[in-house]
Amino acid sequence: EAYKEAKDESRFENGHDSYAGTIGASHGFTDVTAA
């Protein structure tokens, strides 16, 4: 939920460009909390 919200906020502020250089242009996430 947090990832989706961060991505949505980034896209709202920076547009939907797949080369925006923000989390909005990322492709999913990997949970590395244990490390």
Full PDB file with SEQRES, HELIX, SHEET, SSBOND, CRYST1, ORIGX, SCALE, CONECT and MASTER records, all heavy atoms in Angstrom:
SEQRES   1 A   35  GLU ALA TYR LYS GLU ALA LYS ASP GLU SER ARG PHE GLU          
SEQRES   2 A   35  ASN GLY HIS ASP SER TYR ALA GLY THR ILE GLY ALA SER          
SEQRES   3 A   35  HIS GLY PHE THR ASP VAL THR ALA ALA                          
HELIX    1 AA1 ALA A    2  ASN A   14  1                                  13    
HELIX    2 AA2 ILE A   23  ALA A   25  5                                   3    
CRYST1    1.000    1.000    1.000  90.00  90.00  90.00 P 1           1          
ORIGX1      1.000000  0.000000  0.000000        0.00000                         
ORIGX2      0.000000  1.000000  0.000000        0.00000                         
ORIGX3      0.000000  0.000000  1.000000        0.00000                         
SCALE1      1.000000  0.000000  0.000000        0.00000                         
SCALE2      0.000000  1.000000  0.000000        0.00000                         
SCALE3      0.000000  0.000000  1.000000        0.00000                         
ATOM      1  N   GLU A   1       0.833  -1.202   0.000  1.00  0.00           N  
ATOM      2  CA  GLU A   1       0.000   0.000   0.000  1.00  0.00           C  
ATOM      3  C   GLU A   1       0.875   1.262   0.000  1.00  0.00           C  
ATOM      4  O   GLU A   1       0.607   2.223  -0.726  1.00  0.00           O  
ATOM      5  CB  GLU A   1      -0.911  -0.003   1.227  1.00  0.00           C  
ATOM      6  CG  GLU A   1      -1.817   1.204   1.329  1.00  0.00           C  
ATOM      7  CD  GLU A   1      -2.615   1.211   2.629  1.00  0.00           C  
ATOM      8  OE1 GLU A   1      -3.347   0.239   2.870  1.00  0.00           O  
ATOM      9  OE2 GLU A   1      -2.490   2.189   3.395  1.00  0.00           O  
ATOM     10  N   ALA A   2       1.934   1.261   0.816  1.00  0.00           N  
ATOM     11  CA  ALA A   2       2.838   2.414   0.885  1.00  0.00           C  
ATOM     12  C   ALA A   2       3.557   2.620  -0.442  1.00  0.00           C  
ATOM     13  O   ALA A   2       3.715   3.757  -0.903  1.00  0.00           O  
ATOM     14  CB  ALA A   2       3.854   2.228   2.010  1.00  0.00           C  
ATOM     15  N   TYR A   3       3.990   1.526  -1.089  1.00  0.00           N  
ATOM     16  CA  TYR A   3       4.662   1.630  -2.385  1.00  0.00           C  
ATOM     17  C   TYR A   3       3.713   2.227  -3.430  1.00  0.00           C  
ATOM     18  O   TYR A   3       4.084   3.134  -4.177  1.00  0.00           O  
ATOM     19  CB  TYR A   3       5.160   0.254  -2.847  1.00  0.00           C  
ATOM     20  CG  TYR A   3       5.729   0.269  -4.253  1.00  0.00           C  
ATOM     21  CD1 TYR A   3       6.987   0.793  -4.513  1.00  0.00           C  
ATOM     22  CD2 TYR A   3       4.993  -0.231  -5.315  1.00  0.00           C  
ATOM     23  CE1 TYR A   3       7.502   0.819  -5.796  1.00  0.00           C  
ATOM     24  CE2 TYR A   3       5.500  -0.203  -6.599  1.00  0.00           C  
ATOM     25  CZ  TYR A   3       6.755   0.316  -6.841  1.00  0.00           C  
ATOM     26  OH  TYR A   3       7.253   0.351  -8.123  1.00  0.00           O  
ATOM     27  N   LYS A   4       2.483   1.719  -3.467  1.00  0.00           N  
ATOM     28  CA  LYS A   4       1.506   2.232  -4.438  1.00  0.00           C  
ATOM     29  C   LYS A   4       1.259   3.720  -4.213  1.00  0.00           C  
ATOM     30  O   LYS A   4       1.211   4.499  -5.158  1.00  0.00           O  
ATOM     31  CB  LYS A   4       0.192   1.449  -4.334  1.00  0.00           C  
ATOM     32  CG  LYS A   4      -0.851   1.895  -5.344  1.00  0.00           C  
ATOM     33  CD  LYS A   4      -2.171   1.200  -5.108  1.00  0.00           C  
ATOM     34  CE  LYS A   4      -3.245   1.643  -6.048  1.00  0.00           C  
ATOM     35  NZ  LYS A   4      -3.402   3.060  -6.260  1.00  0.00           N  
ATOM     36  N   GLU A   5       1.117   4.118  -2.952  1.00  0.00           N  
ATOM     37  CA  GLU A   5       0.877   5.528  -2.628  1.00  0.00           C  
ATOM     38  C   GLU A   5       2.069   6.400  -3.036  1.00  0.00           C  
ATOM     39  O   GLU A   5       1.899   7.476  -3.607  1.00  0.00           O  
ATOM     40  CB  GLU A   5       0.586   5.671  -1.130  1.00  0.00           C  
ATOM     41  CG  GLU A   5       0.180   7.061  -0.709  1.00  0.00           C  
ATOM     42  CD  GLU A   5      -1.146   7.521  -1.271  1.00  0.00           C  
ATOM     43  OE1 GLU A   5      -2.023   6.686  -1.544  1.00  0.00           O  
ATOM     44  OE2 GLU A   5      -1.297   8.745  -1.459  1.00  0.00           O  
ATOM     45  N   ALA A   6       3.290   5.931  -2.744  1.00  0.00           N  
ATOM     46  CA  ALA A   6       4.499   6.688  -3.107  1.00  0.00           C  
ATOM     47  C   ALA A   6       4.602   6.819  -4.627  1.00  0.00           C  
ATOM     48  O   ALA A   6       4.936   7.887  -5.156  1.00  0.00           O  
ATOM     49  CB  ALA A   6       5.744   6.003  -2.550  1.00  0.00           C  
ATOM     50  N   LYS A   7       4.301   5.748  -5.327  1.00  0.00           N  
ATOM     51  CA  LYS A   7       4.361   5.765  -6.792  1.00  0.00           C  
ATOM     52  C   LYS A   7       3.295   6.706  -7.373  1.00  0.00           C  
ATOM     53  O   LYS A   7       3.572   7.494  -8.273  1.00  0.00           O  
ATOM     54  CB  LYS A   7       4.186   4.340  -7.326  1.00  0.00           C  
ATOM     55  CG  LYS A   7       4.516   4.193  -8.789  1.00  0.00           C  
ATOM     56  CD  LYS A   7       4.680   2.739  -9.162  1.00  0.00           C  
ATOM     57  CE  LYS A   7       4.939   2.665 -10.648  1.00  0.00           C  
ATOM     58  NZ  LYS A   7       5.665   1.503 -11.054  1.00  0.00           N  
ATOM     59  N   ASP A   8       2.075   6.635  -6.820  1.00  0.00           N  
ATOM     60  CA  ASP A   8       0.989   7.511  -7.280  1.00  0.00           C  
ATOM     61  C   ASP A   8       1.321   8.984  -7.038  1.00  0.00           C  
ATOM     62  O   ASP A   8       1.090   9.832  -7.897  1.00  0.00           O  
ATOM     63  CB  ASP A   8      -0.332   7.161  -6.582  1.00  0.00           C  
ATOM     64  CG  ASP A   8      -0.927   5.846  -7.062  1.00  0.00           C  
ATOM     65  OD1 ASP A   8      -0.448   5.300  -8.081  1.00  0.00           O  
ATOM     66  OD2 ASP A   8      -1.861   5.359  -6.398  1.00  0.00           O  
ATOM     67  N   GLU A   9       1.860   9.305  -5.844  1.00  0.00           N  
ATOM     68  CA  GLU A   9       2.238  10.690  -5.537  1.00  0.00           C  
ATOM     69  C   GLU A   9       3.316  11.184  -6.498  1.00  0.00           C  
ATOM     70  O   GLU A   9       3.269  12.314  -6.977  1.00  0.00           O  
ATOM     71  CB  GLU A   9       2.736  10.810  -4.097  1.00  0.00           C  
ATOM     72  CG  GLU A   9       1.641  10.811  -3.074  1.00  0.00           C  
ATOM     73  CD  GLU A   9       2.163  10.910  -1.647  1.00  0.00           C  
ATOM     74  OE1 GLU A   9       3.327  11.329  -1.447  1.00  0.00           O  
ATOM     75  OE2 GLU A   9       1.401  10.564  -0.725  1.00  0.00           O  
ATOM     76  N   SER A  10       4.298  10.334  -6.764  1.00  0.00           N  
ATOM     77  CA  SER A  10       5.382  10.700  -7.671  1.00  0.00           C  
ATOM     78  C   SER A  10       4.845  10.957  -9.077  1.00  0.00           C  
ATOM     79  O   SER A  10       5.239  11.919  -9.733  1.00  0.00           O  
ATOM     80  CB  SER A  10       6.436   9.591  -7.704  1.00  0.00           C  
ATOM     81  OG  SER A  10       7.406   9.872  -8.679  1.00  0.00           O  
ATOM     82  N   ARG A  11       3.953  10.098  -9.520  1.00  0.00           N  
ATOM     83  CA  ARG A  11       3.375  10.276 -10.866  1.00  0.00           C  
ATOM     84  C   ARG A  11       2.527  11.534 -10.935  1.00  0.00           C  
ATOM     85  O   ARG A  11       2.488  12.204 -11.957  1.00  0.00           O  
ATOM     86  CB  ARG A  11       2.562   9.051 -11.248  1.00  0.00           C  
ATOM     87  CG  ARG A  11       3.429   7.879 -11.603  1.00  0.00           C  
ATOM     88  CD  ARG A  11       2.605   6.700 -12.011  1.00  0.00           C  
ATOM     89  NE  ARG A  11       3.435   5.688 -12.633  1.00  0.00           N  
ATOM     90  CZ  ARG A  11       2.998   4.510 -12.983  1.00  0.00           C  
ATOM     91  NH1 ARG A  11       1.739   4.192 -12.794  1.00  0.00           N  
ATOM     92  NH2 ARG A  11       3.813   3.641 -13.542  1.00  0.00           N  
ATOM     93  N   PHE A  12       1.840  11.867  -9.838  1.00  0.00           N  
ATOM     94  CA  PHE A  12       1.034  13.084  -9.810  1.00  0.00           C  
ATOM     95  C   PHE A  12       1.942  14.315  -9.921  1.00  0.00           C  
ATOM     96  O   PHE A  12       1.636  15.258 -10.651  1.00  0.00           O  
ATOM     97  CB  PHE A  12       0.204  13.143  -8.522  1.00  0.00           C  
ATOM     98  CG  PHE A  12      -0.617  14.391  -8.397  1.00  0.00           C  
ATOM     99  CD1 PHE A  12      -1.782  14.544  -9.124  1.00  0.00           C  
ATOM    100  CD2 PHE A  12      -0.217  15.422  -7.567  1.00  0.00           C  
ATOM    101  CE1 PHE A  12      -2.538  15.702  -9.024  1.00  0.00           C  
ATOM    102  CE2 PHE A  12      -0.959  16.580  -7.456  1.00  0.00           C  
ATOM    103  CZ  PHE A  12      -2.127  16.726  -8.185  1.00  0.00           C  
ATOM    104  N   GLU A  13       3.056  14.297  -9.193  1.00  0.00           N  
ATOM    105  CA  GLU A  13       3.962  15.442  -9.181  1.00  0.00           C  
ATOM    106  C   GLU A  13       4.866  15.516 -10.410  1.00  0.00           C  
ATOM    107  O   GLU A  13       5.204  16.600 -10.866  1.00  0.00           O  
ATOM    108  CB  GLU A  13       4.826  15.411  -7.919  1.00  0.00           C  
ATOM    109  CG  GLU A  13       4.038  15.673  -6.658  1.00  0.00           C  
ATOM    110  CD  GLU A  13       4.881  15.566  -5.402  1.00  0.00           C  
ATOM    111  OE1 GLU A  13       6.121  15.576  -5.497  1.00  0.00           O  
ATOM    112  OE2 GLU A  13       4.292  15.475  -4.309  1.00  0.00           O  
ATOM    113  N   ASN A  14       5.283  14.365 -10.938  1.00  0.00           N  
ATOM    114  CA  ASN A  14       6.281  14.346 -12.005  1.00  0.00           C  
ATOM    115  C   ASN A  14       5.768  13.822 -13.344  1.00  0.00           C  
ATOM    116  O   ASN A  14       6.532  13.724 -14.293  1.00  0.00           O  
ATOM    117  CB  ASN A  14       7.481  13.489 -11.569  1.00  0.00           C  
ATOM    118  CG  ASN A  14       8.070  13.977 -10.273  1.00  0.00           C  
ATOM    119  OD1 ASN A  14       8.534  15.098 -10.179  1.00  0.00           O  
ATOM    120  ND2 ASN A  14       8.015  13.146  -9.243  1.00  0.00           N  
ATOM    121  N   GLY A  15       4.526  13.409 -13.401  1.00  0.00           N  
ATOM    122  CA  GLY A  15       3.968  12.866 -14.630  1.00  0.00           C  
ATOM    123  C   GLY A  15       4.211  11.365 -14.735  1.00  0.00           C  
ATOM    124  O   GLY A  15       4.909  10.766 -13.933  1.00  0.00           O  
ATOM    125  N   HIS A  16       3.635  10.773 -15.758  1.00  0.00           N  
ATOM    126  CA  HIS A  16       3.707   9.321 -15.950  1.00  0.00           C  
ATOM    127  C   HIS A  16       4.856   8.898 -16.853  1.00  0.00           C  
ATOM    128  O   HIS A  16       4.870   7.785 -17.363  1.00  0.00           O  
ATOM    129  CB  HIS A  16       2.383   8.803 -16.527  1.00  0.00           C  
ATOM    130  CG  HIS A  16       1.252   8.870 -15.546  1.00  0.00           C  
ATOM    131  ND1 HIS A  16       0.904   7.812 -14.760  1.00  0.00           N  
ATOM    132  CD2 HIS A  16       0.413   9.879 -15.199  1.00  0.00           C  
ATOM    133  CE1 HIS A  16      -0.097   8.146 -13.986  1.00  0.00           C  
ATOM    134  NE2 HIS A  16      -0.415   9.401 -14.233  1.00  0.00           N  
ATOM    135  N   ASP A  17       5.810   9.771 -17.053  1.00  0.00           N  
ATOM    136  CA  ASP A  17       6.947   9.463 -17.912  1.00  0.00           C  
ATOM    137  C   ASP A  17       7.741   8.301 -17.338  1.00  0.00           C  
ATOM    138  O   ASP A  17       8.119   8.303 -16.171  1.00  0.00           O  
ATOM    139  CB  ASP A  17       7.842  10.710 -18.040  1.00  0.00           C  
ATOM    140  CG  ASP A  17       8.990  10.516 -19.013  1.00  0.00           C  
ATOM    141  OD1 ASP A  17       9.056   9.458 -19.668  1.00  0.00           O  
ATOM    142  OD2 ASP A  17       9.818  11.433 -19.107  1.00  0.00           O  
ATOM    143  N   SER A  18       8.018   7.275 -18.158  1.00  0.00           N  
ATOM    144  CA  SER A  18       8.765   6.110 -17.667  1.00  0.00           C  
ATOM    145  C   SER A  18      10.256   6.421 -17.512  1.00  0.00           C  
ATOM    146  O   SER A  18      11.027   5.562 -17.109  1.00  0.00           O  
ATOM    147  CB  SER A  18       8.555   4.920 -18.598  1.00  0.00           C  
ATOM    148  OG  SER A  18       8.945   5.249 -19.902  1.00  0.00           O  
ATOM    149  N   TYR A  19      10.658   7.649 -17.821  1.00  0.00           N  
ATOM    150  CA  TYR A  19      12.047   8.083 -17.636  1.00  0.00           C  
ATOM    151  C   TYR A  19      12.105   9.308 -16.729  1.00  0.00           C  
ATOM    152  O   TYR A  19      12.910  10.206 -16.924  1.00  0.00           O  
ATOM    153  CB  TYR A  19      12.706   8.387 -18.991  1.00  0.00           C  
ATOM    154  CG  TYR A  19      12.887   7.145 -19.814  1.00  0.00           C  
ATOM    155  CD1 TYR A  19      11.954   6.780 -20.769  1.00  0.00           C  
ATOM    156  CD2 TYR A  19      13.978   6.313 -19.599  1.00  0.00           C  
ATOM    157  CE1 TYR A  19      12.111   5.617 -21.507  1.00  0.00           C  
ATOM    158  CE2 TYR A  19      14.142   5.147 -20.331  1.00  0.00           C  
ATOM    159  CZ  TYR A  19      13.209   4.803 -21.282  1.00  0.00           C  
ATOM    160  OH  TYR A  19      13.374   3.647 -21.994  1.00  0.00           O  
ATOM    161  N   ALA A  20      11.247   9.348 -15.709  1.00  0.00           N  
ATOM    162  CA  ALA A  20      11.170  10.501 -14.811  1.00  0.00           C  
ATOM    163  C   ALA A  20      12.279  10.505 -13.761  1.00  0.00           C  
ATOM    164  O   ALA A  20      12.531  11.514 -13.137  1.00  0.00           O  
ATOM    165  CB  ALA A  20       9.806  10.541 -14.122  1.00  0.00           C  
ATOM    166  N   GLY A  21      12.922   9.370 -13.539  1.00  0.00           N  
ATOM    167  CA  GLY A  21      13.992   9.295 -12.550  1.00  0.00           C  
ATOM    168  C   GLY A  21      13.498   9.287 -11.120  1.00  0.00           C  
ATOM    169  O   GLY A  21      14.228   9.633 -10.199  1.00  0.00           O  
ATOM    170  N   THR A  22      12.235   8.872 -10.919  1.00  0.00           N  
ATOM    171  CA  THR A  22      11.645   8.847  -9.580  1.00  0.00           C  
ATOM    172  C   THR A  22      11.073   7.462  -9.303  1.00  0.00           C  
ATOM    173  O   THR A  22      11.054   6.603 -10.174  1.00  0.00           O  
ATOM    174  CB  THR A  22      10.501   9.871  -9.470  1.00  0.00           C  
ATOM    175  OG1 THR A  22       9.450   9.470 -10.366  1.00  0.00           O  
ATOM    176  CG2 THR A  22      10.972  11.279  -9.807  1.00  0.00           C  
ATOM    177  N   ILE A  23      10.550   7.279  -8.100  1.00  0.00           N  
ATOM    178  CA  ILE A  23       9.917   6.003  -7.760  1.00  0.00           C  
ATOM    179  C   ILE A  23       8.745   5.709  -8.694  1.00  0.00           C  
ATOM    180  O   ILE A  23       8.401   4.561  -8.924  1.00  0.00           O  
ATOM    181  CB  ILE A  23       9.473   5.960  -6.275  1.00  0.00           C  
ATOM    182  CG1 ILE A  23       9.110   4.523  -5.863  1.00  0.00           C  
ATOM    183  CG2 ILE A  23       8.361   6.947  -6.008  1.00  0.00           C  
ATOM    184  CD1 ILE A  23       8.895   4.331  -4.385  1.00  0.00           C  
ATOM    185  N   GLY A  24       8.158   6.743  -9.260  1.00  0.00           N  
ATOM    186  CA  GLY A  24       7.059   6.567 -10.209  1.00  0.00           C  
ATOM    187  C   GLY A  24       7.467   5.793 -11.447  1.00  0.00           C  
ATOM    188  O   GLY A  24       6.633   5.212 -12.131  1.00  0.00           O  
ATOM    189  N   ALA A  25       8.770   5.757 -11.757  1.00  0.00           N  
ATOM    190  CA  ALA A  25       9.267   5.019 -12.924  1.00  0.00           C  
ATOM    191  C   ALA A  25       9.810   3.644 -12.535  1.00  0.00           C  
ATOM    192  O   ALA A  25      10.321   2.915 -13.372  1.00  0.00           O  
ATOM    193  CB  ALA A  25      10.359   5.831 -13.620  1.00  0.00           C  
ATOM    194  N   SER A  26       9.709   3.287 -11.249  1.00  0.00           N  
ATOM    195  CA  SER A  26      10.233   1.997 -10.795  1.00  0.00           C  
ATOM    196  C   SER A  26       9.279   0.863 -11.163  1.00  0.00           C  
ATOM    197  O   SER A  26       8.118   1.091 -11.485  1.00  0.00           O  
ATOM    198  CB  SER A  26      10.481   2.019  -9.278  1.00  0.00           C  
ATOM    199  OG  SER A  26       9.263   2.125  -8.588  1.00  0.00           O  
ATOM    200  N   HIS A  27       9.787  -0.354 -11.090  1.00  0.00           N  
ATOM    201  CA  HIS A  27       9.013  -1.531 -11.490  1.00  0.00           C  
ATOM    202  C   HIS A  27       8.885  -2.489 -10.312  1.00  0.00           C  
ATOM    203  O   HIS A  27       9.571  -3.487 -10.229  1.00  0.00           O  
ATOM    204  CB  HIS A  27       9.686  -2.242 -12.665  1.00  0.00           C  
ATOM    205  CG  HIS A  27       9.885  -1.345 -13.849  1.00  0.00           C  
ATOM    206  ND1 HIS A  27       8.863  -1.017 -14.699  1.00  0.00           N  
ATOM    207  CD2 HIS A  27      10.968  -0.684 -14.298  1.00  0.00           C  
ATOM    208  CE1 HIS A  27       9.307  -0.204 -15.628  1.00  0.00           C  
ATOM    209  NE2 HIS A  27      10.592   0.019 -15.406  1.00  0.00           N  
ATOM    210  N   GLY A  28       8.033  -2.156  -9.356  1.00  0.00           N  
ATOM    211  CA  GLY A  28       7.824  -3.004  -8.194  1.00  0.00           C  
ATOM    212  C   GLY A  28       8.872  -2.778  -7.116  1.00  0.00           C  
ATOM    213  O   GLY A  28       9.709  -1.890  -7.214  1.00  0.00           O  
ATOM    214  N   PHE A  29       8.816  -3.614  -6.082  1.00  0.00           N  
ATOM    215  CA  PHE A  29       9.766  -3.493  -4.975  1.00  0.00           C  
ATOM    216  C   PHE A  29      10.100  -4.875  -4.426  1.00  0.00           C  
ATOM    217  O   PHE A  29       9.355  -5.832  -4.601  1.00  0.00           O  
ATOM    218  CB  PHE A  29       9.216  -2.603  -3.854  1.00  0.00           C  
ATOM    219  CG  PHE A  29       8.049  -3.199  -3.123  1.00  0.00           C  
ATOM    220  CD1 PHE A  29       8.247  -3.980  -1.995  1.00  0.00           C  
ATOM    221  CD2 PHE A  29       6.749  -2.997  -3.563  1.00  0.00           C  
ATOM    222  CE1 PHE A  29       7.176  -4.545  -1.323  1.00  0.00           C  
ATOM    223  CE2 PHE A  29       5.670  -3.550  -2.908  1.00  0.00           C  
ATOM    224  CZ  PHE A  29       5.889  -4.327  -1.781  1.00  0.00           C  
ATOM    225  N   THR A  30      11.240  -4.950  -3.781  1.00  0.00           N  
ATOM    226  CA  THR A  30      11.668  -6.154  -3.070  1.00  0.00           C  
ATOM    227  C   THR A  30      11.821  -5.781  -1.605  1.00  0.00           C  
ATOM    228  O   THR A  30      12.528  -4.824  -1.276  1.00  0.00           O  
ATOM    229  CB  THR A  30      13.022  -6.667  -3.621  1.00  0.00           C  
ATOM    230  OG1 THR A  30      12.870  -6.948  -5.012  1.00  0.00           O  
ATOM    231  CG2 THR A  30      13.473  -7.913  -2.887  1.00  0.00           C  
ATOM    232  N   ASP A  31      11.166  -6.541  -0.722  1.00  0.00           N  
ATOM    233  CA  ASP A  31      11.238  -6.287   0.719  1.00  0.00           C  
ATOM    234  C   ASP A  31      12.569  -6.808   1.245  1.00  0.00           C  
ATOM    235  O   ASP A  31      12.840  -8.001   1.215  1.00  0.00           O  
ATOM    236  CB  ASP A  31      10.083  -6.986   1.421  1.00  0.00           C  
ATOM    237  CG  ASP A  31      10.012  -6.682   2.914  1.00  0.00           C  
ATOM    238  OD1 ASP A  31      10.960  -6.074   3.458  1.00  0.00           O  
ATOM    239  OD2 ASP A  31       8.994  -7.055   3.527  1.00  0.00           O  
ATOM    240  N   VAL A  32      13.426  -5.893   1.722  1.00  0.00           N  
ATOM    241  CA  VAL A  32      14.743  -6.262   2.260  1.00  0.00           C  
ATOM    242  C   VAL A  32      14.837  -5.903   3.745  1.00  0.00           C  
ATOM    243  O   VAL A  32      15.933  -5.728   4.270  1.00  0.00           O  
ATOM    244  CB  VAL A  32      15.890  -5.604   1.447  1.00  0.00           C  
ATOM    245  CG1 VAL A  32      15.920  -6.151   0.030  1.00  0.00           C  
ATOM    246  CG2 VAL A  32      15.778  -4.086   1.441  1.00  0.00           C  
ATOM    247  N   THR A  33      13.706  -5.833   4.417  1.00  0.00           N  
ATOM    248  CA  THR A  33      13.661  -5.461   5.830  1.00  0.00           C  
ATOM    249  C   THR A  33      14.561  -6.356   6.683  1.00  0.00           C  
ATOM    250  O   THR A  33      15.284  -5.862   7.557  1.00  0.00           O  
ATOM    251  CB  THR A  33      12.213  -5.523   6.360  1.00  0.00           C  
ATOM    252  OG1 THR A  33      11.402  -4.673   5.543  1.00  0.00           O  
ATOM    253  CG2 THR A  33      12.114  -5.098   7.803  1.00  0.00           C  
ATOM    254  N   ALA A  34      14.544  -7.660   6.423  1.00  0.00           N  
ATOM    255  CA  ALA A  34      15.326  -8.611   7.237  1.00  0.00           C  
ATOM    256  C   ALA A  34      16.816  -8.283   7.201  1.00  0.00           C  
ATOM    257  O   ALA A  34      17.513  -8.431   8.214  1.00  0.00           O  
ATOM    258  CB  ALA A  34      15.089 -10.031   6.751  1.00  0.00           C  
ATOM    259  N   ALA A  35      17.329  -7.820   6.074  1.00  0.00           N  
ATOM    260  CA  ALA A  35      18.756  -7.498   5.945  1.00  0.00           C  
ATOM    261  C   ALA A  35      19.139  -6.251   6.750  1.00  0.00           C  
ATOM    262  O   ALA A  35      20.320  -6.029   7.019  1.00  0.00           O  
ATOM    263  CB  ALA A  35      19.119  -7.296   4.481  1.00  0.00           C  
TER     264      ALA A  35                                                      
MASTER        0    0    0    2    0    0    0    6  263    1    0    3          
END                                                                             
